[in-house]
Amino acid sequence: MFVKITFNMISKDSIYQAVEQFIVDTDYFLVDIKVTPDNRVMVEIDSFEGVKIDFCAELNRHIESQIDREIEDYDLEVGSAGLTEPFKVQKQYEKNLGNEVETLSIQQDLYWKLRNQRNLKEQNERYLSARTLPLRMMILKLQNI
């Protein structure tokens, strides 16, 4: 005897729409949305002025008001993009112009760490002007901010 179990995974698109609707007239921007197979939703946001916990709580409530828990049960986390995480969107580069960062590069699927510190402005200008490396090829970690 077989029992068919249906599992509804929450739509990343529905989360994206709810977030964009909420942040449209603010200085906040979306960095990433992750949805795991067990419906754990993680939303990362950032701002040129920093992320306030009250804003995260308001965004969390807004998303919950848009997604019916009776249809899809989920765990929701809203927070700022981590300081030790790679940059994922262009606005993170712009926000950190002039700050020192630790650079990690990928070459033929091998990670190697550049031990010297570089000014993000130089790195960003090189990245923007050359456009030879896709964004996934350049992983930057903030240091001492």
C-alpha atoms as a PDB file:
ATOM      1  CA  MET A   1       0.000   0.000   0.000  1.00  0.00           C
ATOM      2  CA  PHE A   2       1.325   3.428  -0.983  1.00  0.00           C
ATOM      3  CA  VAL A   3       0.312   6.741   0.484  1.00  0.00           C
ATOM      4  CA  LYS A   4       0.712   9.779  -1.683  1.00  0.00           C
ATOM      5  CA  ILE A   5       2.003  12.762   0.254  1.00  0.00           C
ATOM      6  CA  THR A   6       1.702  16.100  -1.458  1.00  0.00           C
ATOM      7  CA  PHE A   7       4.046  18.838  -0.410  1.00  0.00           C
ATOM      8  CA  ASN A   8       3.482  22.417  -1.457  1.00  0.00           C
ATOM      9  CA  MET A   9       6.666  24.430  -1.562  1.00  0.00           C
ATOM     10  CA  ILE A  10       6.117  28.137  -1.120  1.00  0.00           C
ATOM     11  CA  SER A  11       6.707  30.173  -4.258  1.00  0.00           C
ATOM     12  CA  LYS A  12       9.830  32.318  -4.291  1.00  0.00           C
ATOM     13  CA  ASP A  13       7.963  34.587  -6.716  1.00  0.00           C
ATOM     14  CA  SER A  14       5.186  35.265  -4.206  1.00  0.00           C
ATOM     15  CA  ILE A  15       7.773  36.240  -1.575  1.00  0.00           C
ATOM     16  CA  TYR A  16       9.619  38.425  -4.099  1.00  0.00           C
ATOM     17  CA  GLN A  17       6.426  40.274  -5.037  1.00  0.00           C
ATOM     18  CA  ALA A  18       5.504  40.874  -1.391  1.00  0.00           C
ATOM     19  CA  VAL A  19       8.991  42.200  -0.575  1.00  0.00           C
ATOM     20  CA  GLU A  20       9.206  44.462  -3.635  1.00  0.00           C
ATOM     21  CA  GLN A  21       5.726  45.829  -2.930  1.00  0.00           C
ATOM     22  CA  PHE A  22       6.799  46.777   0.606  1.00  0.00           C
ATOM     23  CA  ILE A  23      10.228  48.293  -0.140  1.00  0.00           C
ATOM     24  CA  VAL A  24       9.349  50.127  -3.369  1.00  0.00           C
ATOM     25  CA  ASP A  25       9.377  53.656  -1.898  1.00  0.00           C
ATOM     26  CA  THR A  26      12.161  53.127   0.644  1.00  0.00           C
ATOM     27  CA  ASP A  27      15.960  53.185   0.476  1.00  0.00           C
ATOM     28  CA  TYR A  28      15.992  49.434   1.191  1.00  0.00           C
ATOM     29  CA  PHE A  29      16.839  46.889  -1.485  1.00  0.00           C
ATOM     30  CA  LEU A  30      16.419  43.142  -1.782  1.00  0.00           C
ATOM     31  CA  VAL A  31      19.616  41.104  -1.603  1.00  0.00           C
ATOM     32  CA  ASP A  32      18.381  37.515  -1.622  1.00  0.00           C
ATOM     33  CA  ILE A  33      15.459  35.195  -1.019  1.00  0.00           C
ATOM     34  CA  LYS A  34      16.033  31.562  -0.122  1.00  0.00           C
ATOM     35  CA  VAL A  35      13.273  28.973   0.151  1.00  0.00           C
ATOM     36  CA  THR A  36      14.208  25.496   1.354  1.00  0.00           C
ATOM     37  CA  PRO A  37      12.239  22.354   0.452  1.00  0.00           C
ATOM     38  CA  ASP A  38      10.728  22.346   3.956  1.00  0.00           C
ATOM     39  CA  ASN A  39       9.397  25.919   3.440  1.00  0.00           C
ATOM     40  CA  ARG A  40      11.946  27.794   5.488  1.00  0.00           C
ATOM     41  CA  VAL A  41      12.027  31.255   3.928  1.00  0.00           C
ATOM     42  CA  MET A  42      14.980  33.611   4.433  1.00  0.00           C
ATOM     43  CA  VAL A  43      14.805  37.162   3.100  1.00  0.00           C
ATOM     44  CA  GLU A  44      17.930  39.339   3.086  1.00  0.00           C
ATOM     45  CA  ILE A  45      17.636  43.087   2.656  1.00  0.00           C
ATOM     46  CA  ASP A  46      20.059  45.978   2.849  1.00  0.00           C
ATOM     47  CA  SER A  47      20.078  49.773   2.749  1.00  0.00           C
ATOM     48  CA  PHE A  48      22.630  52.504   2.199  1.00  0.00           C
ATOM     49  CA  GLU A  49      21.778  53.740   5.709  1.00  0.00           C
ATOM     50  CA  GLY A  50      21.861  50.323   7.407  1.00  0.00           C
ATOM     51  CA  VAL A  51      19.041  47.933   8.267  1.00  0.00           C
ATOM     52  CA  LYS A  52      16.795  48.673  11.225  1.00  0.00           C
ATOM     53  CA  ILE A  53      15.264  45.794  13.167  1.00  0.00           C
ATOM     54  CA  ASP A  54      11.888  47.566  13.221  1.00  0.00           C
ATOM     55  CA  PHE A  55      11.869  47.634   9.422  1.00  0.00           C
ATOM     56  CA  CYS A  56      12.652  43.896   9.330  1.00  0.00           C
ATOM     57  CA  ALA A  57       9.745  43.230  11.699  1.00  0.00           C
ATOM     58  CA  GLU A  58       7.378  45.344   9.575  1.00  0.00           C
ATOM     59  CA  LEU A  59       8.487  43.567   6.399  1.00  0.00           C
ATOM     60  CA  ASN A  60       8.024  40.214   8.128  1.00  0.00           C
ATOM     61  CA  ARG A  61       4.450  41.141   9.065  1.00  0.00           C
ATOM     62  CA  HIS A  62       3.775  42.375   5.533  1.00  0.00           C
ATOM     63  CA  ILE A  63       4.971  39.122   3.959  1.00  0.00           C
ATOM     64  CA  GLU A  64       2.875  37.115   6.418  1.00  0.00           C
ATOM     65  CA  SER A  65      -0.177  39.199   5.489  1.00  0.00           C
ATOM     66  CA  GLN A  66       0.374  38.367   1.809  1.00  0.00           C
ATOM     67  CA  ILE A  67       1.015  34.609   2.113  1.00  0.00           C
ATOM     68  CA  ASP A  68      -1.765  32.508   3.658  1.00  0.00           C
ATOM     69  CA  ARG A  69      -0.340  30.097   6.253  1.00  0.00           C
ATOM     70  CA  GLU A  70      -3.475  27.938   5.934  1.00  0.00           C
ATOM     71  CA  ILE A  71      -2.513  27.133   2.346  1.00  0.00           C
ATOM     72  CA  GLU A  72       1.255  26.979   2.772  1.00  0.00           C
ATOM     73  CA  ASP A  73       2.891  26.597   6.172  1.00  0.00           C
ATOM     74  CA  TYR A  74       6.324  28.213   6.359  1.00  0.00           C
ATOM     75  CA  ASP A  75       8.963  29.635   8.680  1.00  0.00           C
ATOM     76  CA  LEU A  76       9.980  33.177   7.814  1.00  0.00           C
ATOM     77  CA  GLU A  77      13.171  35.064   8.661  1.00  0.00           C
ATOM     78  CA  VAL A  78      13.816  38.626   7.524  1.00  0.00           C
ATOM     79  CA  GLY A  79      17.205  40.186   8.179  1.00  0.00           C
ATOM     80  CA  SER A  80      20.088  42.194   6.840  1.00  0.00           C
ATOM     81  CA  ALA A  81      22.656  40.767   4.485  1.00  0.00           C
ATOM     82  CA  GLY A  82      25.517  39.367   6.563  1.00  0.00           C
ATOM     83  CA  LEU A  83      28.857  41.111   6.795  1.00  0.00           C
ATOM     84  CA  THR A  84      30.682  37.876   6.055  1.00  0.00           C
ATOM     85  CA  GLU A  85      28.493  36.943   3.086  1.00  0.00           C
ATOM     86  CA  PRO A  86      29.512  37.532  -0.527  1.00  0.00           C
ATOM     87  CA  PHE A  87      27.975  40.478  -2.316  1.00  0.00           C
ATOM     88  CA  LYS A  88      25.011  39.322  -4.356  1.00  0.00           C
ATOM     89  CA  VAL A  89      23.619  42.482  -5.945  1.00  0.00           C
ATOM     90  CA  GLN A  90      25.156  45.588  -7.512  1.00  0.00           C
ATOM     91  CA  LYS A  91      23.813  47.927  -4.824  1.00  0.00           C
ATOM     92  CA  GLN A  92      25.982  46.154  -2.223  1.00  0.00           C
ATOM     93  CA  TYR A  93      29.063  47.155  -4.244  1.00  0.00           C
ATOM     94  CA  GLU A  94      27.811  50.732  -4.479  1.00  0.00           C
ATOM     95  CA  LYS A  95      27.055  50.865  -0.750  1.00  0.00           C
ATOM     96  CA  ASN A  96      30.600  49.823   0.143  1.00  0.00           C
ATOM     97  CA  LEU A  97      32.628  52.009  -2.209  1.00  0.00           C
ATOM     98  CA  GLY A  98      35.763  53.107  -0.396  1.00  0.00           C
ATOM     99  CA  ASN A  99      35.565  50.393   2.262  1.00  0.00           C
ATOM    100  CA  GLU A 100      38.267  47.773   2.555  1.00  0.00           C
ATOM    101  CA  VAL A 101      37.183  44.213   1.862  1.00  0.00           C
ATOM    102  CA  GLU A 102      38.766  40.799   1.831  1.00  0.00           C
ATOM    103  CA  THR A 103      38.638  39.365  -1.675  1.00  0.00           C
ATOM    104  CA  LEU A 104      38.202  35.730  -2.559  1.00  0.00           C
ATOM    105  CA  SER A 105      38.543  34.622  -6.175  1.00  0.00           C
ATOM    106  CA  ILE A 106      37.533  31.482  -8.001  1.00  0.00           C
ATOM    107  CA  GLN A 107      39.765  30.135 -10.712  1.00  0.00           C
ATOM    108  CA  GLN A 108      38.848  26.855 -12.400  1.00  0.00           C
ATOM    109  CA  ASP A 109      36.586  25.886  -9.493  1.00  0.00           C
ATOM    110  CA  LEU A 110      39.387  26.270  -6.943  1.00  0.00           C
ATOM    111  CA  TYR A 111      39.091  28.870  -4.217  1.00  0.00           C
ATOM    112  CA  TRP A 112      42.178  30.756  -3.328  1.00  0.00           C
ATOM    113  CA  LYS A 113      42.389  33.616  -0.966  1.00  0.00           C
ATOM    114  CA  LEU A 114      44.089  36.838  -1.878  1.00  0.00           C
ATOM    115  CA  ARG A 115      45.770  37.842   1.354  1.00  0.00           C
ATOM    116  CA  ASN A 116      46.206  41.488   0.517  1.00  0.00           C
ATOM    117  CA  GLN A 117      43.498  44.050   1.220  1.00  0.00           C
ATOM    118  CA  ARG A 118      42.070  45.995  -1.673  1.00  0.00           C
ATOM    119  CA  ASN A 119      40.076  49.148  -1.753  1.00  0.00           C
ATOM    120  CA  LEU A 120      36.564  48.301  -2.934  1.00  0.00           C
ATOM    121  CA  LYS A 121      36.490  51.308  -5.223  1.00  0.00           C
ATOM    122  CA  GLU A 122      39.403  49.912  -7.257  1.00  0.00           C
ATOM    123  CA  GLN A 123      37.857  46.452  -7.268  1.00  0.00           C
ATOM    124  CA  ASN A 124      34.439  47.809  -8.244  1.00  0.00           C
ATOM    125  CA  GLU A 125      35.812  49.989 -11.048  1.00  0.00           C
ATOM    126  CA  ARG A 126      37.810  47.063 -12.398  1.00  0.00           C
ATOM    127  CA  TYR A 127      34.724  44.848 -12.226  1.00  0.00           C
ATOM    128  CA  LEU A 128      32.395  47.397 -13.798  1.00  0.00           C
ATOM    129  CA  SER A 129      34.747  48.457 -16.569  1.00  0.00           C
ATOM    130  CA  ALA A 130      36.027  45.044 -17.584  1.00  0.00           C
ATOM    131  CA  ARG A 131      32.857  43.006 -17.019  1.00  0.00           C
ATOM    132  CA  THR A 132      34.993  39.979 -17.805  1.00  0.00           C
ATOM    133  CA  LEU A 133      34.181  38.080 -14.643  1.00  0.00           C
ATOM    134  CA  PRO A 134      30.592  37.126 -13.912  1.00  0.00           C
ATOM    135  CA  LEU A 135      29.316  38.221 -10.509  1.00  0.00           C
ATOM    136  CA  ARG A 136      29.569  34.666  -9.156  1.00  0.00           C
ATOM    137  CA  MET A 137      33.284  34.723  -9.905  1.00  0.00           C
ATOM    138  CA  MET A 138      33.919  37.513  -7.458  1.00  0.00           C
ATOM    139  CA  ILE A 139      33.149  36.850  -3.811  1.00  0.00           C
ATOM    140  CA  LEU A 140      33.835  39.673  -1.450  1.00  0.00           C
ATOM    141  CA  LYS A 141      33.713  39.609   2.313  1.00  0.00           C
ATOM    142  CA  LEU A 142      33.519  42.765   4.324  1.00  0.00           C
ATOM    143  CA  GLN A 143      36.226  43.222   6.883  1.00  0.00           C
ATOM    144  CA  ASN A 144      36.426  45.659   9.761  1.00  0.00           C
ATOM    145  CA  ILE A 145      33.339  47.687   8.937  1.00  0.00           C
END
